[in-house]
Amino acid sequence: MAAESFWDFSVRTYRTQGAPEACLSLQNDHGADVNMLLYCAWIALVAGRFDDDLFRRAGEFSSAWAENVVKPLRGARTWMKQTGCQSDPVPAAPCMELREDIKSVEFAAEKMQQEVLESLLVNGPNLASAPDRIIDSAIANLHRYLVQQDIMVSNDVRDKLCLILQAAFPDMHEKITAGALADLS
């Protein structure tokens, strides 16, 4: 059985009810990189827990890519929607068309980020893990990322991570509860 690509895993997860809102809340309210949150879960599925080298390389790449590519595109797109396309002398309709073009480029940049992240997994997928081990690995990977990013784990953050993991692992839904994430601190 072939492993689900990181991109396909992310698209499937993100399309699950509640996941987009949880991801965007963690991004907007806590500064989390949604691609890294999803990567933590995907790595758990295909490889288990991060090893030090993979975690370091993924973090360095994602941080630089997000800061220099994704966030500026997102900032321009958001500004155009809220202010830029609503002000004189900017013609609103062509401005919103340009905003949609920027949105497409932002989407392509996020896809490229995910493709690079997937390529960092040198040893390739190993799908032999039991469901409990996958969940434990996902929680450990997320914990490591949250600590690195200095994101405080409140009940709200824990609930949002629970929603994301339930979306990522629908066959293991009953094993993923806020209680299972209680060790995140």
N, C-alpha and C. Protein backbone atom coordinates (compact mmCIF):
# COMPACT_ATOMS: atom_id res chain seq x y z
N MET A 1 0.84 -1.19 0.00
CA MET A 1 0.00 0.00 0.00
C MET A 1 0.88 1.24 0.00
N ALA A 2 0.63 2.14 -0.92
CA ALA A 2 1.41 3.37 -1.00
C ALA A 2 0.96 4.35 0.07
N ALA A 3 1.91 5.08 0.57
CA ALA A 3 1.61 6.11 1.57
C ALA A 3 0.89 7.28 0.90
N GLU A 4 -0.03 7.84 1.64
CA GLU A 4 -0.72 9.04 1.18
C GLU A 4 0.29 10.19 1.19
N SER A 5 0.37 10.93 0.08
CA SER A 5 1.31 12.05 0.04
C SER A 5 0.93 13.07 1.10
N PHE A 6 1.89 13.88 1.50
CA PHE A 6 1.62 14.90 2.50
C PHE A 6 0.54 15.85 1.98
N TRP A 7 0.62 16.23 0.71
CA TRP A 7 -0.37 17.14 0.15
C TRP A 7 -1.78 16.53 0.20
N ASP A 8 -1.91 15.28 -0.26
CA ASP A 8 -3.22 14.63 -0.24
C ASP A 8 -3.75 14.48 1.19
N PHE A 9 -2.87 14.13 2.11
CA PHE A 9 -3.23 14.03 3.52
C PHE A 9 -3.75 15.37 4.04
N SER A 10 -3.05 16.44 3.70
CA SER A 10 -3.43 17.78 4.16
C SER A 10 -4.76 18.23 3.57
N VAL A 11 -4.94 18.02 2.28
CA VAL A 11 -6.18 18.42 1.62
C VAL A 11 -7.35 17.65 2.23
N ARG A 12 -7.18 16.35 2.41
CA ARG A 12 -8.24 15.53 3.01
C ARG A 12 -8.54 16.01 4.43
N THR A 13 -7.52 16.24 5.21
CA THR A 13 -7.71 16.69 6.59
C THR A 13 -8.40 18.04 6.63
N TYR A 14 -7.93 18.96 5.81
CA TYR A 14 -8.44 20.34 5.82
C TYR A 14 -9.90 20.41 5.35
N ARG A 15 -10.31 19.45 4.56
CA ARG A 15 -11.70 19.45 4.05
C ARG A 15 -12.70 18.88 5.06
N THR A 16 -12.22 18.41 6.18
CA THR A 16 -13.09 17.83 7.20
C THR A 16 -13.72 18.94 8.03
N GLN A 17 -14.99 18.80 8.31
CA GLN A 17 -15.71 19.83 9.07
C GLN A 17 -14.98 20.16 10.37
N GLY A 18 -14.79 21.44 10.61
CA GLY A 18 -14.15 21.93 11.82
C GLY A 18 -12.65 22.11 11.70
N ALA A 19 -12.01 21.37 10.80
CA ALA A 19 -10.55 21.46 10.67
C ALA A 19 -10.08 22.82 10.16
N PRO A 20 -10.70 23.39 9.13
CA PRO A 20 -10.20 24.69 8.66
C PRO A 20 -10.25 25.76 9.75
N GLU A 21 -11.35 25.79 10.48
CA GLU A 21 -11.48 26.81 11.54
C GLU A 21 -10.44 26.58 12.64
N ALA A 22 -10.21 25.33 13.00
CA ALA A 22 -9.22 25.02 14.03
C ALA A 22 -7.82 25.41 13.56
N CYS A 23 -7.49 25.07 12.32
CA CYS A 23 -6.17 25.42 11.77
C CYS A 23 -5.98 26.93 11.72
N LEU A 24 -6.96 27.63 11.18
CA LEU A 24 -6.83 29.08 11.04
C LEU A 24 -6.80 29.79 12.39
N SER A 25 -7.53 29.26 13.37
CA SER A 25 -7.47 29.84 14.71
C SER A 25 -6.07 29.69 15.30
N LEU A 26 -5.49 28.52 15.16
CA LEU A 26 -4.13 28.31 15.68
C LEU A 26 -3.12 29.18 14.93
N GLN A 27 -3.35 29.40 13.66
CA GLN A 27 -2.48 30.27 12.87
C GLN A 27 -2.64 31.73 13.28
N ASN A 28 -3.88 32.21 13.29
CA ASN A 28 -4.13 33.63 13.52
C ASN A 28 -3.99 34.04 14.98
N ASP A 29 -4.38 33.17 15.90
CA ASP A 29 -4.37 33.53 17.32
C ASP A 29 -3.08 33.15 18.04
N HIS A 30 -2.33 32.18 17.47
CA HIS A 30 -1.16 31.68 18.19
C HIS A 30 0.11 31.66 17.34
N GLY A 31 0.00 32.03 16.07
CA GLY A 31 1.18 32.09 15.22
C GLY A 31 1.67 30.75 14.70
N ALA A 32 0.84 29.72 14.78
CA ALA A 32 1.25 28.40 14.30
C ALA A 32 1.28 28.37 12.77
N ASP A 33 2.19 27.60 12.23
CA ASP A 33 2.26 27.35 10.80
C ASP A 33 1.39 26.12 10.54
N VAL A 34 0.29 26.31 9.84
CA VAL A 34 -0.65 25.21 9.59
C VAL A 34 0.05 24.05 8.90
N ASN A 35 0.93 24.34 7.96
CA ASN A 35 1.64 23.26 7.28
C ASN A 35 2.48 22.44 8.25
N MET A 36 3.07 23.07 9.24
CA MET A 36 3.85 22.33 10.22
C MET A 36 2.95 21.52 11.16
N LEU A 37 1.79 22.06 11.52
CA LEU A 37 0.85 21.29 12.34
C LEU A 37 0.45 20.01 11.62
N LEU A 38 0.11 20.16 10.34
CA LEU A 38 -0.29 19.00 9.54
C LEU A 38 0.88 18.04 9.31
N TYR A 39 2.07 18.61 9.16
CA TYR A 39 3.27 17.79 8.97
C TYR A 39 3.54 16.93 10.21
N CYS A 40 3.33 17.50 11.38
CA CYS A 40 3.51 16.73 12.62
C CYS A 40 2.62 15.49 12.61
N ALA A 41 1.39 15.65 12.15
CA ALA A 41 0.46 14.52 12.09
C ALA A 41 0.86 13.54 10.98
N TRP A 42 1.21 14.06 9.81
CA TRP A 42 1.57 13.19 8.69
C TRP A 42 2.82 12.37 9.00
N ILE A 43 3.82 13.01 9.61
CA ILE A 43 5.04 12.29 9.99
C ILE A 43 4.70 11.16 10.95
N ALA A 44 3.79 11.42 11.88
CA ALA A 44 3.38 10.36 12.82
C ALA A 44 2.80 9.17 12.06
N LEU A 45 2.05 9.44 11.03
CA LEU A 45 1.43 8.38 10.25
C LEU A 45 2.45 7.59 9.45
N VAL A 46 3.39 8.27 8.82
CA VAL A 46 4.30 7.59 7.89
C VAL A 46 5.65 7.23 8.48
N ALA A 47 6.03 7.84 9.61
CA ALA A 47 7.37 7.58 10.14
C ALA A 47 7.43 7.53 11.67
N GLY A 48 6.38 7.90 12.35
CA GLY A 48 6.41 7.90 13.81
C GLY A 48 6.82 9.26 14.35
N ARG A 49 7.68 9.25 15.35
CA ARG A 49 8.14 10.50 15.95
C ARG A 49 9.27 11.10 15.13
N PHE A 50 9.32 12.44 15.17
CA PHE A 50 10.43 13.13 14.51
C PHE A 50 11.76 12.66 15.07
N ASP A 51 12.74 12.51 14.20
CA ASP A 51 14.11 12.42 14.72
C ASP A 51 14.64 13.86 14.73
N ASP A 52 15.72 14.07 15.45
CA ASP A 52 16.22 15.43 15.66
C ASP A 52 16.55 16.14 14.34
N ASP A 53 17.19 15.41 13.42
CA ASP A 53 17.61 16.02 12.17
C ASP A 53 16.41 16.43 11.31
N LEU A 54 15.44 15.57 11.19
CA LEU A 54 14.25 15.91 10.39
C LEU A 54 13.50 17.08 11.01
N PHE A 55 13.34 17.08 12.32
CA PHE A 55 12.64 18.17 12.98
C PHE A 55 13.37 19.50 12.75
N ARG A 56 14.68 19.49 12.87
CA ARG A 56 15.47 20.71 12.68
C ARG A 56 15.36 21.21 11.24
N ARG A 57 15.55 20.32 10.27
CA ARG A 57 15.51 20.73 8.87
C ARG A 57 14.12 21.21 8.46
N ALA A 58 13.08 20.50 8.91
CA ALA A 58 11.71 20.90 8.59
C ALA A 58 11.40 22.26 9.20
N GLY A 59 11.79 22.47 10.44
CA GLY A 59 11.53 23.75 11.11
C GLY A 59 12.27 24.90 10.46
N GLU A 60 13.54 24.69 10.13
CA GLU A 60 14.32 25.76 9.50
C GLU A 60 13.73 26.13 8.14
N PHE A 61 13.44 25.12 7.33
CA PHE A 61 12.88 25.40 6.01
C PHE A 61 11.53 26.09 6.12
N SER A 62 10.62 25.52 6.92
CA SER A 62 9.26 26.05 7.00
C SER A 62 9.24 27.47 7.55
N SER A 63 10.06 27.72 8.54
CA SER A 63 10.11 29.06 9.11
C SER A 63 10.54 30.08 8.06
N ALA A 64 11.62 29.78 7.35
CA ALA A 64 12.11 30.70 6.32
C ALA A 64 11.10 30.86 5.18
N TRP A 65 10.52 29.75 4.73
CA TRP A 65 9.55 29.79 3.63
C TRP A 65 8.30 30.57 4.02
N ALA A 66 7.80 30.31 5.20
CA ALA A 66 6.59 31.01 5.66
C ALA A 66 6.86 32.51 5.79
N GLU A 67 7.97 32.87 6.40
CA GLU A 67 8.28 34.29 6.62
C GLU A 67 8.53 35.05 5.32
N ASN A 68 9.18 34.42 4.38
CA ASN A 68 9.61 35.13 3.17
C ASN A 68 8.71 34.94 1.96
N VAL A 69 7.85 33.95 1.99
CA VAL A 69 6.99 33.69 0.83
C VAL A 69 5.51 33.70 1.22
N VAL A 70 5.10 32.79 2.09
CA VAL A 70 3.68 32.61 2.37
C VAL A 70 3.07 33.80 3.11
N LYS A 71 3.69 34.24 4.18
CA LYS A 71 3.11 35.33 4.97
C LYS A 71 3.01 36.64 4.18
N PRO A 72 4.03 37.02 3.39
CA PRO A 72 3.85 38.24 2.58
C PRO A 72 2.70 38.13 1.58
N LEU A 73 2.55 36.97 0.96
CA LEU A 73 1.43 36.79 0.03
C LEU A 73 0.10 36.86 0.77
N ARG A 74 0.01 36.19 1.92
CA ARG A 74 -1.21 36.22 2.73
C ARG A 74 -1.51 37.65 3.20
N GLY A 75 -0.48 38.36 3.60
CA GLY A 75 -0.65 39.74 4.05
C GLY A 75 -1.19 40.63 2.94
N ALA A 76 -0.65 40.49 1.74
CA ALA A 76 -1.13 41.29 0.61
C ALA A 76 -2.58 40.95 0.28
N ARG A 77 -2.87 39.67 0.26
CA ARG A 77 -4.23 39.22 -0.05
C ARG A 77 -5.23 39.73 0.99
N THR A 78 -4.88 39.63 2.24
CA THR A 78 -5.77 40.07 3.32
C THR A 78 -5.95 41.59 3.28
N TRP A 79 -4.86 42.33 3.11
CA TRP A 79 -4.94 43.78 3.05
C TRP A 79 -5.82 44.23 1.88
N MET A 80 -5.67 43.57 0.75
CA MET A 80 -6.46 43.93 -0.42
C MET A 80 -7.95 43.73 -0.14
N LYS A 81 -8.29 42.64 0.53
CA LYS A 81 -9.70 42.36 0.82
C LYS A 81 -10.27 43.37 1.81
N GLN A 82 -9.50 43.68 2.84
CA GLN A 82 -10.01 44.52 3.92
C GLN A 82 -9.91 46.01 3.62
N THR A 83 -8.89 46.42 2.88
CA THR A 83 -8.64 47.85 2.69
C THR A 83 -8.32 48.24 1.26
N GLY A 84 -7.31 47.60 0.70
CA GLY A 84 -6.73 48.02 -0.57
C GLY A 84 -7.68 48.10 -1.74
N CYS A 85 -8.56 47.16 -1.87
CA CYS A 85 -9.50 47.15 -3.00
C CYS A 85 -10.76 47.95 -2.69
N GLN A 86 -10.82 48.50 -1.50
CA GLN A 86 -12.00 49.27 -1.08
C GLN A 86 -11.73 50.77 -1.09
N SER A 87 -10.53 51.18 -1.50
CA SER A 87 -10.18 52.59 -1.40
C SER A 87 -9.95 53.23 -2.76
N ASP A 88 -10.27 54.51 -2.83
CA ASP A 88 -10.02 55.28 -4.05
C ASP A 88 -8.53 55.51 -4.17
N PRO A 89 -8.00 55.60 -5.31
CA PRO A 89 -8.57 55.48 -6.65
C PRO A 89 -8.51 54.08 -7.23
N VAL A 90 -8.35 53.08 -6.39
CA VAL A 90 -8.19 51.70 -6.87
C VAL A 90 -9.54 51.18 -7.38
N PRO A 91 -9.58 50.70 -8.63
CA PRO A 91 -10.82 50.12 -9.15
C PRO A 91 -11.07 48.76 -8.47
N ALA A 92 -12.20 48.62 -7.82
CA ALA A 92 -12.48 47.46 -6.98
C ALA A 92 -12.45 46.13 -7.74
N ALA A 93 -13.13 46.03 -8.86
CA ALA A 93 -13.23 44.75 -9.56
C ALA A 93 -11.86 44.23 -10.03
N PRO A 94 -11.04 45.03 -10.73
CA PRO A 94 -9.73 44.53 -11.13
C PRO A 94 -8.82 44.23 -9.93
N CYS A 95 -8.99 45.00 -8.88
CA CYS A 95 -8.20 44.77 -7.67
C CYS A 95 -8.55 43.41 -7.06
N MET A 96 -9.83 43.09 -7.01
CA MET A 96 -10.24 41.79 -6.46
C MET A 96 -9.81 40.64 -7.37
N GLU A 97 -9.75 40.86 -8.66
CA GLU A 97 -9.22 39.84 -9.57
C GLU A 97 -7.74 39.59 -9.28
N LEU A 98 -7.00 40.67 -9.07
CA LEU A 98 -5.58 40.54 -8.72
C LEU A 98 -5.44 39.81 -7.39
N ARG A 99 -6.31 40.11 -6.44
CA ARG A 99 -6.31 39.43 -5.14
C ARG A 99 -6.50 37.93 -5.34
N GLU A 100 -7.39 37.52 -6.22
CA GLU A 100 -7.60 36.10 -6.50
C GLU A 100 -6.34 35.47 -7.11
N ASP A 101 -5.65 36.23 -7.96
CA ASP A 101 -4.39 35.73 -8.52
C ASP A 101 -3.37 35.51 -7.42
N ILE A 102 -3.30 36.45 -6.49
CA ILE A 102 -2.37 36.33 -5.36
C ILE A 102 -2.75 35.13 -4.50
N LYS A 103 -4.04 34.92 -4.31
CA LYS A 103 -4.52 33.76 -3.55
C LYS A 103 -4.06 32.47 -4.20
N SER A 104 -4.11 32.40 -5.53
CA SER A 104 -3.65 31.21 -6.25
C SER A 104 -2.15 31.00 -6.07
N VAL A 105 -1.39 32.08 -6.12
CA VAL A 105 0.06 31.98 -5.92
C VAL A 105 0.36 31.55 -4.48
N GLU A 106 -0.37 32.09 -3.52
CA GLU A 106 -0.20 31.69 -2.12
C GLU A 106 -0.47 30.19 -1.96
N PHE A 107 -1.52 29.70 -2.57
CA PHE A 107 -1.87 28.28 -2.53
C PHE A 107 -0.74 27.44 -3.13
N ALA A 108 -0.20 27.89 -4.26
CA ALA A 108 0.91 27.18 -4.91
C ALA A 108 2.16 27.20 -4.03
N ALA A 109 2.39 28.29 -3.32
CA ALA A 109 3.54 28.39 -2.42
C ALA A 109 3.39 27.42 -1.25
N GLU A 110 2.17 27.30 -0.74
CA GLU A 110 1.94 26.35 0.36
C GLU A 110 2.10 24.91 -0.12
N LYS A 111 1.66 24.64 -1.33
CA LYS A 111 1.83 23.29 -1.88
C LYS A 111 3.31 22.98 -2.05
N MET A 112 4.08 23.95 -2.54
CA MET A 112 5.51 23.75 -2.69
C MET A 112 6.16 23.52 -1.32
N GLN A 113 5.73 24.26 -0.31
CA GLN A 113 6.25 24.06 1.04
C GLN A 113 6.01 22.62 1.47
N GLN A 114 4.82 22.11 1.22
CA GLN A 114 4.51 20.74 1.62
C GLN A 114 5.31 19.72 0.83
N GLU A 115 5.52 19.97 -0.45
CA GLU A 115 6.32 19.05 -1.27
C GLU A 115 7.76 18.98 -0.77
N VAL A 116 8.31 20.15 -0.41
CA VAL A 116 9.67 20.16 0.14
C VAL A 116 9.71 19.43 1.48
N LEU A 117 8.74 19.71 2.34
CA LEU A 117 8.69 19.02 3.63
C LEU A 117 8.62 17.51 3.43
N GLU A 118 7.79 17.05 2.52
CA GLU A 118 7.70 15.61 2.27
C GLU A 118 9.04 15.06 1.80
N SER A 119 9.75 15.81 0.97
CA SER A 119 11.03 15.34 0.43
C SER A 119 12.10 15.22 1.52
N LEU A 120 11.91 15.87 2.65
CA LEU A 120 12.90 15.80 3.73
C LEU A 120 12.88 14.46 4.45
N LEU A 121 11.84 13.68 4.26
CA LEU A 121 11.74 12.37 4.88
C LEU A 121 12.64 11.42 4.09
N VAL A 122 13.88 11.33 4.49
CA VAL A 122 14.92 10.61 3.75
C VAL A 122 14.65 9.12 3.63
N ASN A 123 14.23 8.49 4.70
CA ASN A 123 14.05 7.04 4.69
C ASN A 123 12.73 6.59 4.10
N GLY A 124 11.88 7.52 3.76
CA GLY A 124 10.60 7.17 3.16
C GLY A 124 9.60 6.66 4.18
N PRO A 125 8.39 6.44 3.74
CA PRO A 125 7.32 6.02 4.64
C PRO A 125 7.54 4.64 5.25
N ASN A 126 7.05 4.48 6.46
CA ASN A 126 7.04 3.21 7.17
C ASN A 126 5.67 3.12 7.83
N LEU A 127 4.77 2.39 7.24
CA LEU A 127 3.37 2.39 7.67
C LEU A 127 3.03 1.24 8.62
N ALA A 128 3.99 0.75 9.37
CA ALA A 128 3.75 -0.42 10.20
C ALA A 128 3.23 -0.10 11.60
N SER A 129 3.04 1.13 11.94
CA SER A 129 2.67 1.49 13.31
C SER A 129 1.21 1.17 13.63
N ALA A 130 0.98 0.80 14.87
CA ALA A 130 -0.36 0.56 15.38
C ALA A 130 -1.04 1.90 15.64
N PRO A 131 -2.37 1.93 15.60
CA PRO A 131 -3.10 3.20 15.80
C PRO A 131 -2.70 3.96 17.07
N ASP A 132 -2.55 3.26 18.19
CA ASP A 132 -2.16 3.96 19.43
C ASP A 132 -0.80 4.62 19.28
N ARG A 133 0.09 3.95 18.61
CA ARG A 133 1.44 4.50 18.42
C ARG A 133 1.40 5.72 17.49
N ILE A 134 0.57 5.68 16.47
CA ILE A 134 0.44 6.83 15.57
C ILE A 134 -0.06 8.04 16.34
N ILE A 135 -1.09 7.85 17.15
CA ILE A 135 -1.64 8.97 17.93
C ILE A 135 -0.60 9.48 18.92
N ASP A 136 0.09 8.59 19.62
CA ASP A 136 1.14 9.01 20.56
C ASP A 136 2.23 9.78 19.84
N SER A 137 2.61 9.32 18.65
CA SER A 137 3.64 10.01 17.87
C SER A 137 3.15 11.39 17.42
N ALA A 138 1.91 11.47 16.98
CA ALA A 138 1.36 12.75 16.54
C ALA A 138 1.36 13.75 17.69
N ILE A 139 0.94 13.30 18.86
CA ILE A 139 0.91 14.18 20.03
C ILE A 139 2.32 14.61 20.40
N ALA A 140 3.27 13.68 20.38
CA ALA A 140 4.67 14.02 20.68
C ALA A 140 5.23 15.00 19.66
N ASN A 141 4.93 14.78 18.39
CA ASN A 141 5.42 15.69 17.34
C ASN A 141 4.82 17.08 17.50
N LEU A 142 3.52 17.14 17.77
CA LEU A 142 2.87 18.44 17.98
C LEU A 142 3.43 19.13 19.21
N HIS A 143 3.65 18.39 20.27
CA HIS A 143 4.21 18.97 21.49
C HIS A 143 5.58 19.58 21.21
N ARG A 144 6.40 18.85 20.49
CA ARG A 144 7.74 19.35 20.15
C ARG A 144 7.64 20.64 19.34
N TYR A 145 6.74 20.68 18.38
CA TYR A 145 6.56 21.88 17.56
C TYR A 145 6.04 23.05 18.40
N LEU A 146 5.04 22.81 19.24
CA LEU A 146 4.48 23.89 20.06
C LEU A 146 5.52 24.46 21.01
N VAL A 147 6.34 23.61 21.59
CA VAL A 147 7.41 24.08 22.48
C VAL A 147 8.40 24.93 21.69
N GLN A 148 8.79 24.44 20.51
CA GLN A 148 9.73 25.19 19.68
C GLN A 148 9.19 26.58 19.34
N GLN A 149 7.90 26.66 19.08
CA GLN A 149 7.28 27.92 18.68
C GLN A 149 6.82 28.75 19.88
N ASP A 150 7.03 28.24 21.07
CA ASP A 150 6.63 28.92 22.30
C ASP A 150 5.13 29.21 22.33
N ILE A 151 4.36 28.23 21.88
CA ILE A 151 2.90 28.33 21.89
C ILE A 151 2.39 27.67 23.17
N MET A 152 1.75 28.47 24.00
CA MET A 152 1.19 27.97 25.26
C MET A 152 -0.02 27.08 24.96
N VAL A 153 -0.10 25.95 25.62
CA VAL A 153 -1.19 25.02 25.38
C VAL A 153 -2.31 25.26 26.39
N SER A 154 -3.29 25.99 25.95
CA SER A 154 -4.50 26.22 26.75
C SER A 154 -5.51 25.14 26.39
N ASN A 155 -6.63 25.13 27.09
CA ASN A 155 -7.70 24.20 26.73
C ASN A 155 -8.18 24.45 25.31
N ASP A 156 -8.23 25.72 24.90
CA ASP A 156 -8.66 26.07 23.55
C ASP A 156 -7.70 25.48 22.50
N VAL A 157 -6.40 25.64 22.72
CA VAL A 157 -5.41 25.09 21.80
C VAL A 157 -5.54 23.57 21.76
N ARG A 158 -5.67 22.95 22.91
CA ARG A 158 -5.82 21.50 23.00
C ARG A 158 -7.06 21.03 22.22
N ASP A 159 -8.17 21.74 22.38
CA ASP A 159 -9.40 21.38 21.67
C ASP A 159 -9.23 21.49 20.16
N LYS A 160 -8.53 22.51 19.72
CA LYS A 160 -8.31 22.70 18.27
C LYS A 160 -7.39 21.62 17.72
N LEU A 161 -6.35 21.29 18.47
CA LEU A 161 -5.47 20.20 18.04
C LEU A 161 -6.21 18.88 17.99
N CYS A 162 -7.11 18.67 18.93
CA CYS A 162 -7.93 17.46 18.95
C CYS A 162 -8.78 17.38 17.67
N LEU A 163 -9.39 18.49 17.29
CA LEU A 163 -10.19 18.52 16.05
C LEU A 163 -9.34 18.20 14.82
N ILE A 164 -8.13 18.76 14.78
CA ILE A 164 -7.24 18.53 13.64
C ILE A 164 -6.84 17.05 13.58
N LEU A 165 -6.48 16.47 14.72
CA LEU A 165 -6.09 15.07 14.73
C LEU A 165 -7.26 14.15 14.40
N GLN A 166 -8.45 14.49 14.86
CA GLN A 166 -9.63 13.69 14.50
C GLN A 166 -9.88 13.75 13.00
N ALA A 167 -9.65 14.91 12.40
CA ALA A 167 -9.81 15.04 10.95
C ALA A 167 -8.72 14.28 10.21
N ALA A 168 -7.51 14.32 10.74
CA ALA A 168 -6.38 13.66 10.10
C ALA A 168 -6.49 12.14 10.17
N PHE A 169 -7.03 11.64 11.29
CA PHE A 169 -7.10 10.20 11.51
C PHE A 169 -8.54 9.77 11.81
N PRO A 170 -9.41 9.84 10.82
CA PRO A 170 -10.83 9.55 11.08
C PRO A 170 -11.08 8.12 11.56
N ASP A 171 -10.23 7.18 11.18
CA ASP A 171 -10.41 5.79 11.61
C ASP A 171 -10.03 5.59 13.07
N MET A 172 -9.36 6.58 13.64
CA MET A 172 -8.91 6.50 15.04
C MET A 172 -9.62 7.54 15.90
N HIS A 173 -10.72 8.05 15.39
CA HIS A 173 -11.44 9.15 16.02
C HIS A 173 -11.70 8.92 17.51
N GLU A 174 -12.09 7.71 17.87
CA GLU A 174 -12.44 7.43 19.27
C GLU A 174 -11.23 7.48 20.20
N LYS A 175 -10.03 7.32 19.66
CA LYS A 175 -8.81 7.36 20.47
C LYS A 175 -8.31 8.79 20.68
N ILE A 176 -8.86 9.73 19.91
CA ILE A 176 -8.37 11.11 19.96
C ILE A 176 -9.39 11.96 20.71
N THR A 177 -9.06 12.23 21.94
CA THR A 177 -9.93 13.06 22.78
C THR A 177 -9.07 14.14 23.43
N ALA A 178 -9.74 15.12 23.99
CA ALA A 178 -8.99 16.16 24.71
C ALA A 178 -8.17 15.51 25.83
N GLY A 179 -8.70 14.45 26.43
CA GLY A 179 -7.97 13.74 27.48
C GLY A 179 -6.68 13.10 26.97
N ALA A 180 -6.71 12.62 25.72
CA ALA A 180 -5.52 12.03 25.13
C ALA A 180 -4.43 13.08 24.92
N LEU A 181 -4.84 14.34 24.81
CA LEU A 181 -3.89 15.43 24.62
C LEU A 181 -3.58 16.14 25.93
N ALA A 182 -3.99 15.58 27.05
CA ALA A 182 -3.81 16.21 28.35
C ALA A 182 -2.34 16.44 28.69
N ASP A 183 -1.45 15.60 28.15
CA ASP A 183 -0.03 15.75 28.47
C ASP A 183 0.60 16.95 27.76
N LEU A 184 -0.09 17.50 26.77
CA LEU A 184 0.45 18.70 26.13
C LEU A 184 0.39 19.85 27.14
N SER A 185 1.51 20.49 27.34
CA SER A 185 1.52 21.61 28.29
C SER A 185 2.43 22.71 27.80
